[in-house]
Amino acid sequence: MTDLCCNVTSCVHNSEHCCCKTAIQVDGQEAKDKSCTCCGSFDKDQAARNATETPQLQLSVDCDATNCVYNENRMCRAEHIDISGGSAQNSESTLCATFRTR
């Protein structure tokens, strides 16, 4: 499990810089740097918000960024991960700030 801090305040799953999902997807299969990654779990649709969601301090991170040093068999093994994107309007405006090229 990974400790995640998310500053994508426009995502419906964000609560107090934590994600309310138990698992997220980081996309960026061909990424050579963090700007080519994104949070595939980003959702701006307010109708998708689950009123019972609670912030998760640790969660599973499935990762397609195979060029990242923290990627092991498509899972993020970083102890801490930062997702950036502020008031993003779509997943492409987010990124995994923790990404480090192999």
PDB file of N, CA and C in Angstrom:
ATOM      1  N   MET A   1       0.838  -1.175   0.000  1.00  0.00           N
ATOM      2  CA  MET A   1       0.000   0.000   0.000  1.00  0.00           C
ATOM      3  C   MET A   1       0.888   1.246   0.000  1.00  0.00           C
ATOM      4  N   THR A   2       0.410   2.255  -0.691  1.00  0.00           N
ATOM      5  CA  THR A   2       1.167   3.481  -0.856  1.00  0.00           C
ATOM      6  C   THR A   2       0.480   4.643  -0.153  1.00  0.00           C
ATOM      7  N   ASP A   3       1.285   5.497   0.479  1.00  0.00           N
ATOM      8  CA  ASP A   3       0.790   6.727   1.074  1.00  0.00           C
ATOM      9  C   ASP A   3       0.657   7.732  -0.067  1.00  0.00           C
ATOM     10  N   LEU A   4      -0.543   8.258  -0.305  1.00  0.00           N
ATOM     11  CA  LEU A   4      -0.796   9.133  -1.437  1.00  0.00           C
ATOM     12  C   LEU A   4      -1.261  10.507  -0.985  1.00  0.00           C
ATOM     13  N   CYS A   5      -0.681  11.533  -1.597  1.00  0.00           N
ATOM     14  CA  CYS A   5      -1.127  12.912  -1.396  1.00  0.00           C
ATOM     15  C   CYS A   5      -1.568  13.421  -2.762  1.00  0.00           C
ATOM     16  N   CYS A   6      -2.787  13.917  -2.848  1.00  0.00           N
ATOM     17  CA  CYS A   6      -3.338  14.367  -4.115  1.00  0.00           C
ATOM     18  C   CYS A   6      -3.770  15.821  -4.010  1.00  0.00           C
ATOM     19  N   ASN A   7      -3.238  16.673  -4.902  1.00  0.00           N
ATOM     20  CA  ASN A   7      -3.656  18.066  -4.880  1.00  0.00           C
ATOM     21  C   ASN A   7      -4.625  18.386  -6.015  1.00  0.00           C
ATOM     22  N   VAL A   8      -5.208  17.361  -6.630  1.00  0.00           N
ATOM     23  CA  VAL A   8      -6.185  17.560  -7.703  1.00  0.00           C
ATOM     24  C   VAL A   8      -7.545  17.803  -7.058  1.00  0.00           C
ATOM     25  N   THR A   9      -7.750  19.034  -6.637  1.00  0.00           N
ATOM     26  CA  THR A   9      -8.948  19.386  -5.874  1.00  0.00           C
ATOM     27  C   THR A   9     -10.227  19.336  -6.698  1.00  0.00           C
ATOM     28  N   SER A  10     -10.111  19.314  -8.020  1.00  0.00           N
ATOM     29  CA  SER A  10     -11.298  19.243  -8.880  1.00  0.00           C
ATOM     30  C   SER A  10     -11.809  17.814  -9.057  1.00  0.00           C
ATOM     31  N   CYS A  11     -11.063  16.833  -8.577  1.00  0.00           N
ATOM     32  CA  CYS A  11     -11.485  15.427  -8.696  1.00  0.00           C
ATOM     33  C   CYS A  11     -12.515  15.106  -7.613  1.00  0.00           C
ATOM     34  N   VAL A  12     -13.553  14.409  -7.988  1.00  0.00           N
ATOM     35  CA  VAL A  12     -14.607  14.077  -7.025  1.00  0.00           C
ATOM     36  C   VAL A  12     -14.122  13.125  -5.934  1.00  0.00           C
ATOM     37  N   HIS A  13     -13.016  12.451  -6.157  1.00  0.00           N
ATOM     38  CA  HIS A  13     -12.504  11.501  -5.174  1.00  0.00           C
ATOM     39  C   HIS A  13     -11.540  12.152  -4.174  1.00  0.00           C
ATOM     40  N   ASN A  14     -11.241  13.449  -4.364  1.00  0.00           N
ATOM     41  CA  ASN A  14     -10.303  14.157  -3.497  1.00  0.00           C
ATOM     42  C   ASN A  14     -11.027  14.712  -2.278  1.00  0.00           C
ATOM     43  N   SER A  15     -10.461  14.435  -1.117  1.00  0.00           N
ATOM     44  CA  SER A  15     -10.971  14.994   0.132  1.00  0.00           C
ATOM     45  C   SER A  15      -9.776  15.284   1.023  1.00  0.00           C
ATOM     46  N   GLU A  16      -9.545  16.554   1.294  1.00  0.00           N
ATOM     47  CA  GLU A  16      -8.446  16.956   2.170  1.00  0.00           C
ATOM     48  C   GLU A  16      -7.100  16.441   1.669  1.00  0.00           C
ATOM     49  N   HIS A  17      -6.873  16.496   0.364  1.00  0.00           N
ATOM     50  CA  HIS A  17      -5.644  16.064  -0.312  1.00  0.00           C
ATOM     51  C   HIS A  17      -5.390  14.563  -0.193  1.00  0.00           C
ATOM     52  N   CYS A  18      -6.445  13.833   0.115  1.00  0.00           N
ATOM     53  CA  CYS A  18      -6.400  12.372   0.116  1.00  0.00           C
ATOM     54  C   CYS A  18      -7.365  11.867  -0.945  1.00  0.00           C
ATOM     55  N   CYS A  19      -7.162  10.662  -1.394  1.00  0.00           N
ATOM     56  CA  CYS A  19      -8.067  10.051  -2.353  1.00  0.00           C
ATOM     57  C   CYS A  19      -9.045   9.162  -1.589  1.00  0.00           C
ATOM     58  N   CYS A  20     -10.294   9.203  -2.002  1.00  0.00           N
ATOM     59  CA  CYS A  20     -11.310   8.392  -1.335  1.00  0.00           C
ATOM     60  C   CYS A  20     -11.471   7.015  -1.978  1.00  0.00           C
ATOM     61  N   LYS A  21     -10.745   6.753  -3.054  1.00  0.00           N
ATOM     62  CA  LYS A  21     -10.788   5.431  -3.667  1.00  0.00           C
ATOM     63  C   LYS A  21      -9.815   4.515  -2.918  1.00  0.00           C
ATOM     64  N   THR A  22     -10.025   3.233  -2.977  1.00  0.00           N
ATOM     65  CA  THR A  22      -9.098   2.295  -2.335  1.00  0.00           C
ATOM     66  C   THR A  22      -7.942   1.933  -3.269  1.00  0.00           C
ATOM     67  N   ALA A  23      -8.100   2.265  -4.558  1.00  0.00           N
ATOM     68  CA  ALA A  23      -7.057   2.007  -5.546  1.00  0.00           C
ATOM     69  C   ALA A  23      -7.192   3.030  -6.673  1.00  0.00           C
ATOM     70  N   ILE A  24      -6.051   3.439  -7.236  1.00  0.00           N
ATOM     71  CA  ILE A  24      -6.076   4.329  -8.390  1.00  0.00           C
ATOM     72  C   ILE A  24      -5.233   3.740  -9.511  1.00  0.00           C
ATOM     73  N   GLN A  25      -5.386   4.317 -10.695  1.00  0.00           N
ATOM     74  CA  GLN A  25      -4.634   3.908 -11.877  1.00  0.00           C
ATOM     75  C   GLN A  25      -3.789   5.082 -12.348  1.00  0.00           C
ATOM     76  N   VAL A  26      -2.483   4.891 -12.457  1.00  0.00           N
ATOM     77  CA  VAL A  26      -1.606   5.896 -13.062  1.00  0.00           C
ATOM     78  C   VAL A  26      -1.334   5.430 -14.486  1.00  0.00           C
ATOM     79  N   ASP A  27      -1.625   6.317 -15.449  1.00  0.00           N
ATOM     80  CA  ASP A  27      -1.394   6.013 -16.864  1.00  0.00           C
ATOM     81  C   ASP A  27      -0.114   6.686 -17.339  1.00  0.00           C
ATOM     82  N   GLY A  28       0.442   6.161 -18.421  1.00  0.00           N
ATOM     83  CA  GLY A  28       1.660   6.730 -19.001  1.00  0.00           C
ATOM     84  C   GLY A  28       2.608   5.657 -19.484  1.00  0.00           C
ATOM     85  N   GLN A  29       2.078   4.711 -20.237  1.00  0.00           N
ATOM     86  CA  GLN A  29       2.858   3.551 -20.652  1.00  0.00           C
ATOM     87  C   GLN A  29       4.163   3.927 -21.353  1.00  0.00           C
ATOM     88  N   GLU A  30       4.163   4.968 -22.161  1.00  0.00           N
ATOM     89  CA  GLU A  30       5.366   5.386 -22.889  1.00  0.00           C
ATOM     90  C   GLU A  30       6.092   6.538 -22.194  1.00  0.00           C
ATOM     91  N   ALA A  31       5.682   6.895 -20.977  1.00  0.00           N
ATOM     92  CA  ALA A  31       6.241   8.062 -20.281  1.00  0.00           C
ATOM     93  C   ALA A  31       7.744   7.945 -20.078  1.00  0.00           C
ATOM     94  N   LYS A  32       8.425   9.048 -20.387  1.00  0.00           N
ATOM     95  CA  LYS A  32       9.860   9.176 -20.124  1.00  0.00           C
ATOM     96  C   LYS A  32      10.103  10.205 -19.026  1.00  0.00           C
ATOM     97  N   ASP A  33       9.055  10.971 -18.691  1.00  0.00           N
ATOM     98  CA  ASP A  33       9.110  11.920 -17.580  1.00  0.00           C
ATOM     99  C   ASP A  33       7.702  12.088 -17.012  1.00  0.00           C
ATOM    100  N   LYS A  34       7.615  12.734 -15.858  1.00  0.00           N
ATOM    101  CA  LYS A  34       6.337  12.820 -15.156  1.00  0.00           C
ATOM    102  C   LYS A  34       5.264  13.560 -15.929  1.00  0.00           C
ATOM    103  N   SER A  35       5.645  14.460 -16.829  1.00  0.00           N
ATOM    104  CA  SER A  35       4.640  15.213 -17.591  1.00  0.00           C
ATOM    105  C   SER A  35       3.855  14.327 -18.553  1.00  0.00           C
ATOM    106  N   CYS A  36       4.339  13.122 -18.791  1.00  0.00           N
ATOM    107  CA  CYS A  36       3.649  12.182 -19.693  1.00  0.00           C
ATOM    108  C   CYS A  36       2.830  11.144 -18.928  1.00  0.00           C
ATOM    109  N   THR A  37       2.673  11.359 -17.630  1.00  0.00           N
ATOM    110  CA  THR A  37       1.839  10.475 -16.805  1.00  0.00           C
ATOM    111  C   THR A  37       0.542  11.201 -16.460  1.00  0.00           C
ATOM    112  N   CYS A  38      -0.436  10.472 -15.994  1.00  0.00           N
ATOM    113  CA  CYS A  38      -1.677  11.089 -15.510  1.00  0.00           C
ATOM    114  C   CYS A  38      -2.405  10.107 -14.596  1.00  0.00           C
ATOM    115  N   CYS A  39      -3.334  10.645 -13.826  1.00  0.00           N
ATOM    116  CA  CYS A  39      -4.157   9.806 -12.971  1.00  0.00           C
ATOM    117  C   CYS A  39      -5.352   9.329 -13.787  1.00  0.00           C
ATOM    118  N   GLY A  40      -5.353   8.081 -14.153  1.00  0.00           N
ATOM    119  CA  GLY A  40      -6.446   7.504 -14.927  1.00  0.00           C
ATOM    120  C   GLY A  40      -7.722   7.354 -14.118  1.00  0.00           C
ATOM    121  N   SER A  41      -7.648   7.558 -12.818  1.00  0.00           N
ATOM    122  CA  SER A  41      -8.824   7.445 -11.956  1.00  0.00           C
ATOM    123  C   SER A  41      -9.510   8.791 -11.727  1.00  0.00           C
ATOM    124  N   PHE A  42      -8.951   9.864 -12.312  1.00  0.00           N
ATOM    125  CA  PHE A  42      -9.538  11.194 -12.181  1.00  0.00           C
ATOM    126  C   PHE A  42     -10.980  11.175 -12.668  1.00  0.00           C
ATOM    127  N   ASP A  43     -11.863  11.817 -11.913  1.00  0.00           N
ATOM    128  CA  ASP A  43     -13.272  11.919 -12.308  1.00  0.00           C
ATOM    129  C   ASP A  43     -13.793  13.276 -11.865  1.00  0.00           C
ATOM    130  N   LYS A  44     -14.258  14.051 -12.809  1.00  0.00           N
ATOM    131  CA  LYS A  44     -14.782  15.383 -12.505  1.00  0.00           C
ATOM    132  C   LYS A  44     -16.303  15.374 -12.382  1.00  0.00           C
ATOM    133  N   ASP A  45     -16.936  14.312 -12.796  1.00  0.00           N
ATOM    134  CA  ASP A  45     -18.398  14.219 -12.801  1.00  0.00           C
ATOM    135  C   ASP A  45     -18.927  14.195 -11.377  1.00  0.00           C
ATOM    136  N   GLN A  46     -19.507  15.295 -10.935  1.00  0.00           N
ATOM    137  CA  GLN A  46     -20.021  15.397  -9.566  1.00  0.00           C
ATOM    138  C   GLN A  46     -21.083  14.336  -9.268  1.00  0.00           C
ATOM    139  N   ALA A  47     -21.779  13.875 -10.307  1.00  0.00           N
ATOM    140  CA  ALA A  47     -22.794  12.835 -10.105  1.00  0.00           C
ATOM    141  C   ALA A  47     -22.146  11.523  -9.673  1.00  0.00           C
ATOM    142  N   ALA A  48     -20.838  11.372  -9.937  1.00  0.00           N
ATOM    143  CA  ALA A  48     -20.131  10.141  -9.584  1.00  0.00           C
ATOM    144  C   ALA A  48     -19.710  10.124  -8.112  1.00  0.00           C
ATOM    145  N   ARG A  49     -19.796  11.267  -7.457  1.00  0.00           N
ATOM    146  CA  ARG A  49     -19.352  11.329  -6.055  1.00  0.00           C
ATOM    147  C   ARG A  49     -20.207  10.427  -5.177  1.00  0.00           C
ATOM    148  N   ASN A  50     -19.532   9.644  -4.384  1.00  0.00           N
ATOM    149  CA  ASN A  50     -20.203   8.750  -3.452  1.00  0.00           C
ATOM    150  C   ASN A  50     -20.228   9.439  -2.097  1.00  0.00           C
ATOM    151  N   ALA A  51     -21.372   9.736  -1.594  1.00  0.00           N
ATOM    152  CA  ALA A  51     -21.506  10.465  -0.329  1.00  0.00           C
ATOM    153  C   ALA A  51     -20.865   9.724   0.842  1.00  0.00           C
ATOM    154  N   THR A  52     -20.655   8.435   0.719  1.00  0.00           N
ATOM    155  CA  THR A  52     -20.074   7.661   1.814  1.00  0.00           C
ATOM    156  C   THR A  52     -18.563   7.511   1.680  1.00  0.00           C
ATOM    157  N   GLU A  53     -17.968   8.127   0.662  1.00  0.00           N
ATOM    158  CA  GLU A  53     -16.521   8.012   0.485  1.00  0.00           C
ATOM    159  C   GLU A  53     -15.782   8.677   1.648  1.00  0.00           C
ATOM    160  N   THR A  54     -14.729   8.025   2.084  1.00  0.00           N
ATOM    161  CA  THR A  54     -13.883   8.598   3.120  1.00  0.00           C
ATOM    162  C   THR A  54     -12.444   8.574   2.626  1.00  0.00           C
ATOM    163  N   PRO A  55     -11.650   9.556   3.017  1.00  0.00           N
ATOM    164  CA  PRO A  55     -10.256   9.614   2.566  1.00  0.00           C
ATOM    165  C   PRO A  55      -9.479   8.364   2.979  1.00  0.00           C
ATOM    166  N   GLN A  56      -8.682   7.863   2.047  1.00  0.00           N
ATOM    167  CA  GLN A  56      -7.837   6.697   2.295  1.00  0.00           C
ATOM    168  C   GLN A  56      -6.409   7.190   2.507  1.00  0.00           C
ATOM    169  N   LEU A  57      -5.801   6.849   3.610  1.00  0.00           N
ATOM    170  CA  LEU A  57      -4.430   7.261   3.861  1.00  0.00           C
ATOM    171  C   LEU A  57      -3.440   6.414   3.075  1.00  0.00           C
ATOM    172  N   GLN A  58      -3.788   5.173   2.817  1.00  0.00           N
ATOM    173  CA  GLN A  58      -2.951   4.307   2.003  1.00  0.00           C
ATOM    174  C   GLN A  58      -3.841   3.568   1.030  1.00  0.00           C
ATOM    175  N   LEU A  59      -3.349   3.402  -0.194  1.00  0.00           N
ATOM    176  CA  LEU A  59      -4.131   2.722  -1.201  1.00  0.00           C
ATOM    177  C   LEU A  59      -3.230   2.030  -2.199  1.00  0.00           C
ATOM    178  N   SER A  60      -3.830   1.194  -2.989  1.00  0.00           N
ATOM    179  CA  SER A  60      -3.126   0.464  -4.034  1.00  0.00           C
ATOM    180  C   SER A  60      -3.040   1.346  -5.270  1.00  0.00           C
ATOM    181  N   VAL A  61      -1.862   1.368  -5.918  1.00  0.00           N
ATOM    182  CA  VAL A  61      -1.674   2.171  -7.120  1.00  0.00           C
ATOM    183  C   VAL A  61      -1.246   1.256  -8.259  1.00  0.00           C
ATOM    184  N   ASP A  62      -2.187   1.007  -9.173  1.00  0.00           N
ATOM    185  CA  ASP A  62      -1.876   0.267 -10.396  1.00  0.00           C
ATOM    186  C   ASP A  62      -1.193   1.255 -11.328  1.00  0.00           C
ATOM    187  N   CYS A  63      -0.086   0.858 -11.951  1.00  0.00           N
ATOM    188  CA  CYS A  63       0.704   1.814 -12.719  1.00  0.00           C
ATOM    189  C   CYS A  63       1.100   1.261 -14.082  1.00  0.00           C
ATOM    190  N   ASP A  64       0.744   2.017 -15.129  1.00  0.00           N
ATOM    191  CA  ASP A  64       1.142   1.659 -16.497  1.00  0.00           C
ATOM    192  C   ASP A  64       2.454   2.320 -16.901  1.00  0.00           C
ATOM    193  N   ALA A  65       3.014   3.190 -16.064  1.00  0.00           N
ATOM    194  CA  ALA A  65       4.267   3.882 -16.383  1.00  0.00           C
ATOM    195  C   ALA A  65       5.444   2.938 -16.145  1.00  0.00           C
ATOM    196  N   THR A  66       5.646   2.033 -17.078  1.00  0.00           N
ATOM    197  CA  THR A  66       6.645   0.974 -16.910  1.00  0.00           C
ATOM    198  C   THR A  66       8.079   1.488 -16.912  1.00  0.00           C
ATOM    199  N   ASN A  67       8.307   2.731 -17.334  1.00  0.00           N
ATOM    200  CA  ASN A  67       9.651   3.310 -17.317  1.00  0.00           C
ATOM    201  C   ASN A  67       9.993   3.969 -15.986  1.00  0.00           C
ATOM    202  N   CYS A  68       9.113   3.855 -15.002  1.00  0.00           N
ATOM    203  CA  CYS A  68       9.336   4.453 -13.685  1.00  0.00           C
ATOM    204  C   CYS A  68      10.078   3.465 -12.780  1.00  0.00           C
ATOM    205  N   VAL A  69      11.011   3.988 -11.991  1.00  0.00           N
ATOM    206  CA  VAL A  69      11.790   3.129 -11.086  1.00  0.00           C
ATOM    207  C   VAL A  69      10.916   2.473 -10.018  1.00  0.00           C
ATOM    208  N   TYR A  70       9.766   3.062  -9.730  1.00  0.00           N
ATOM    209  CA  TYR A  70       8.891   2.518  -8.689  1.00  0.00           C
ATOM    210  C   TYR A  70       7.906   1.469  -9.214  1.00  0.00           C
ATOM    211  N   ASN A  71       7.885   1.254 -10.510  1.00  0.00           N
ATOM    212  CA  ASN A  71       6.947   0.307 -11.109  1.00  0.00           C
ATOM    213  C   ASN A  71       7.495  -1.110 -11.013  1.00  0.00           C
ATOM    214  N   GLU A  72       6.750  -1.971 -10.337  1.00  0.00           N
ATOM    215  CA  GLU A  72       7.083  -3.397 -10.251  1.00  0.00           C
ATOM    216  C   GLU A  72       5.851  -4.175 -10.669  1.00  0.00           C
ATOM    217  N   ASN A  73       5.944  -4.819 -11.821  1.00  0.00           N
ATOM    218  CA  ASN A  73       4.822  -5.609 -12.324  1.00  0.00           C
ATOM    219  C   ASN A  73       3.522  -4.815 -12.358  1.00  0.00           C
ATOM    220  N   ARG A  74       3.626  -3.574 -12.832  1.00  0.00           N
ATOM    221  CA  ARG A  74       2.478  -2.664 -13.009  1.00  0.00           C
ATOM    222  C   ARG A  74       1.842  -2.200 -11.699  1.00  0.00           C
ATOM    223  N   MET A  75       2.613  -2.258 -10.625  1.00  0.00           N
ATOM    224  CA  MET A  75       2.177  -1.730  -9.326  1.00  0.00           C
ATOM    225  C   MET A  75       3.222  -0.723  -8.852  1.00  0.00           C
ATOM    226  N   CYS A  76       2.758   0.376  -8.257  1.00  0.00           N
ATOM    227  CA  CYS A  76       3.683   1.370  -7.720  1.00  0.00           C
ATOM    228  C   CYS A  76       4.195   0.874  -6.370  1.00  0.00           C
ATOM    229  N   ARG A  77       5.506   0.888  -6.213  1.00  0.00           N
ATOM    230  CA  ARG A  77       6.125   0.433  -4.967  1.00  0.00           C
ATOM    231  C   ARG A  77       6.743   1.583  -4.178  1.00  0.00           C
ATOM    232  N   ALA A  78       6.467   2.834  -4.600  1.00  0.00           N
ATOM    233  CA  ALA A  78       6.965   3.992  -3.849  1.00  0.00           C
ATOM    234  C   ALA A  78       6.246   4.040  -2.497  1.00  0.00           C
ATOM    235  N   GLU A  79       6.958   4.433  -1.467  1.00  0.00           N
ATOM    236  CA  GLU A  79       6.334   4.545  -0.146  1.00  0.00           C
ATOM    237  C   GLU A  79       5.353   5.703  -0.105  1.00  0.00           C
ATOM    238  N   HIS A  80       5.640   6.754  -0.871  1.00  0.00           N
ATOM    239  CA  HIS A  80       4.785   7.939  -0.921  1.00  0.00           C
ATOM    240  C   HIS A  80       4.661   8.380  -2.377  1.00  0.00           C
ATOM    241  N   ILE A  81       3.466   8.761  -2.789  1.00  0.00           N
ATOM    242  CA  ILE A  81       3.232   9.224  -4.149  1.00  0.00           C
ATOM    243  C   ILE A  81       2.441  10.535  -4.104  1.00  0.00           C
ATOM    244  N   ASP A  82       2.835  11.464  -4.972  1.00  0.00           N
ATOM    245  CA  ASP A  82       2.141  12.739  -5.101  1.00  0.00           C
ATOM    246  C   ASP A  82       1.489  12.810  -6.469  1.00  0.00           C
ATOM    247  N   ILE A  83       0.194  13.090  -6.488  1.00  0.00           N
ATOM    248  CA  ILE A  83      -0.535  13.328  -7.728  1.00  0.00           C
ATOM    249  C   ILE A  83      -0.807  14.824  -7.791  1.00  0.00           C
ATOM    250  N   SER A  84      -0.425  15.450  -8.903  1.00  0.00           N
ATOM    251  CA  SER A  84      -0.582  16.894  -9.075  1.00  0.00           C
ATOM    252  C   SER A  84      -1.568  17.204 -10.185  1.00  0.00           C
ATOM    253  N   GLY A  85      -2.135  18.398 -10.127  1.00  0.00           N
ATOM    254  CA  GLY A  85      -3.054  18.814 -11.169  1.00  0.00           C
ATOM    255  C   GLY A  85      -4.002  19.906 -10.741  1.00  0.00           C
ATOM    256  N   GLY A  86      -3.981  20.294  -9.481  1.00  0.00           N
ATOM    257  CA  GLY A  86      -4.805  21.403  -8.995  1.00  0.00           C
ATOM    258  C   GLY A  86      -6.264  21.307  -9.399  1.00  0.00           C
ATOM    259  N   SER A  87      -6.695  22.237 -10.222  1.00  0.00           N
ATOM    260  CA  SER A  87      -8.092  22.274 -10.662  1.00  0.00           C
ATOM    261  C   SER A  87      -8.242  21.705 -12.069  1.00  0.00           C
ATOM    262  N   ALA A  88      -7.614  20.580 -12.327  1.00  0.00           N
ATOM    263  CA  ALA A  88      -7.646  19.913 -13.635  1.00  0.00           C
ATOM    264  C   ALA A  88      -9.077  19.697 -14.117  1.00  0.00           C
ATOM    265  N   GLN A  89      -9.247  19.775 -15.419  1.00  0.00           N
ATOM    266  CA  GLN A  89     -10.555  19.553 -16.026  1.00  0.00           C
ATOM    267  C   GLN A  89     -10.667  18.151 -16.628  1.00  0.00           C
ATOM    268  N   ASN A  90      -9.517  17.456 -16.758  1.00  0.00           N
ATOM    269  CA  ASN A  90      -9.506  16.104 -17.307  1.00  0.00           C
ATOM    270  C   ASN A  90      -8.266  15.379 -16.797  1.00  0.00           C
ATOM    271  N   SER A  91      -8.217  14.081 -16.997  1.00  0.00           N
ATOM    272  CA  SER A  91      -7.101  13.293 -16.466  1.00  0.00           C
ATOM    273  C   SER A  91      -5.766  13.687 -17.090  1.00  0.00           C
ATOM    274  N   GLU A  92      -5.781  14.145 -18.339  1.00  0.00           N
ATOM    275  CA  GLU A  92      -4.546  14.535 -19.015  1.00  0.00           C
ATOM    276  C   GLU A  92      -3.897  15.762 -18.369  1.00  0.00           C
ATOM    277  N   SER A  93      -4.638  16.487 -17.551  1.00  0.00           N
ATOM    278  CA  SER A  93      -4.104  17.664 -16.860  1.00  0.00           C
ATOM    279  C   SER A  93      -3.557  17.310 -15.478  1.00  0.00           C
ATOM    280  N   THR A  94      -3.523  16.020 -15.159  1.00  0.00           N
ATOM    281  CA  THR A  94      -2.963  15.550 -13.893  1.00  0.00           C
ATOM    282  C   THR A  94      -1.632  14.870 -14.186  1.00  0.00           C
ATOM    283  N   LEU A  95      -0.843  14.619 -13.163  1.00  0.00           N
ATOM    284  CA  LEU A  95       0.394  13.864 -13.358  1.00  0.00           C
ATOM    285  C   LEU A  95       0.855  13.240 -12.057  1.00  0.00           C
ATOM    286  N   CYS A  96       1.682  12.232 -12.197  1.00  0.00           N
ATOM    287  CA  CYS A  96       2.307  11.586 -11.046  1.00  0.00           C
ATOM    288  C   CYS A  96       3.634  12.292 -10.810  1.00  0.00           C
ATOM    289  N   ALA A  97       3.668  13.147  -9.796  1.00  0.00           N
ATOM    290  CA  ALA A  97       4.867  13.927  -9.496  1.00  0.00           C
ATOM    291  C   ALA A  97       5.990  13.059  -8.926  1.00  0.00           C
ATOM    292  N   THR A  98       5.683  11.841  -8.558  1.00  0.00           N
ATOM    293  CA  THR A  98       6.666  10.929  -7.976  1.00  0.00           C
ATOM    294  C   THR A  98       7.455  10.170  -9.056  1.00  0.00           C
ATOM    295  N   PHE A  99       6.957  10.164 -10.287  1.00  0.00           N
ATOM    296  CA  PHE A  99       7.590   9.435 -11.386  1.00  0.00           C
ATOM    297  C   PHE A  99       9.077   9.758 -11.486  1.00  0.00           C
ATOM    298  N   ARG A 100       9.903   8.714 -11.583  1.00  0.00           N
ATOM    299  CA  ARG A 100      11.343   8.837 -11.808  1.00  0.00           C
ATOM    300  C   ARG A 100      11.721   7.831 -12.887  1.00  0.00           C
ATOM    301  N   THR A 101      12.423   8.306 -13.914  1.00  0.00           N
ATOM    302  CA  THR A 101      12.809   7.447 -15.036  1.00  0.00           C
ATOM    303  C   THR A 101      13.839   6.411 -14.598  1.00  0.00           C
ATOM    304  N   ARG A 102      13.654   5.203 -15.095  1.00  0.00           N
ATOM    305  CA  ARG A 102      14.625   4.116 -14.823  1.00  0.00           C
ATOM    306  C   ARG A 102      15.975   4.466 -15.397  1.00  0.00           C
TER     307      ARG A 102
END
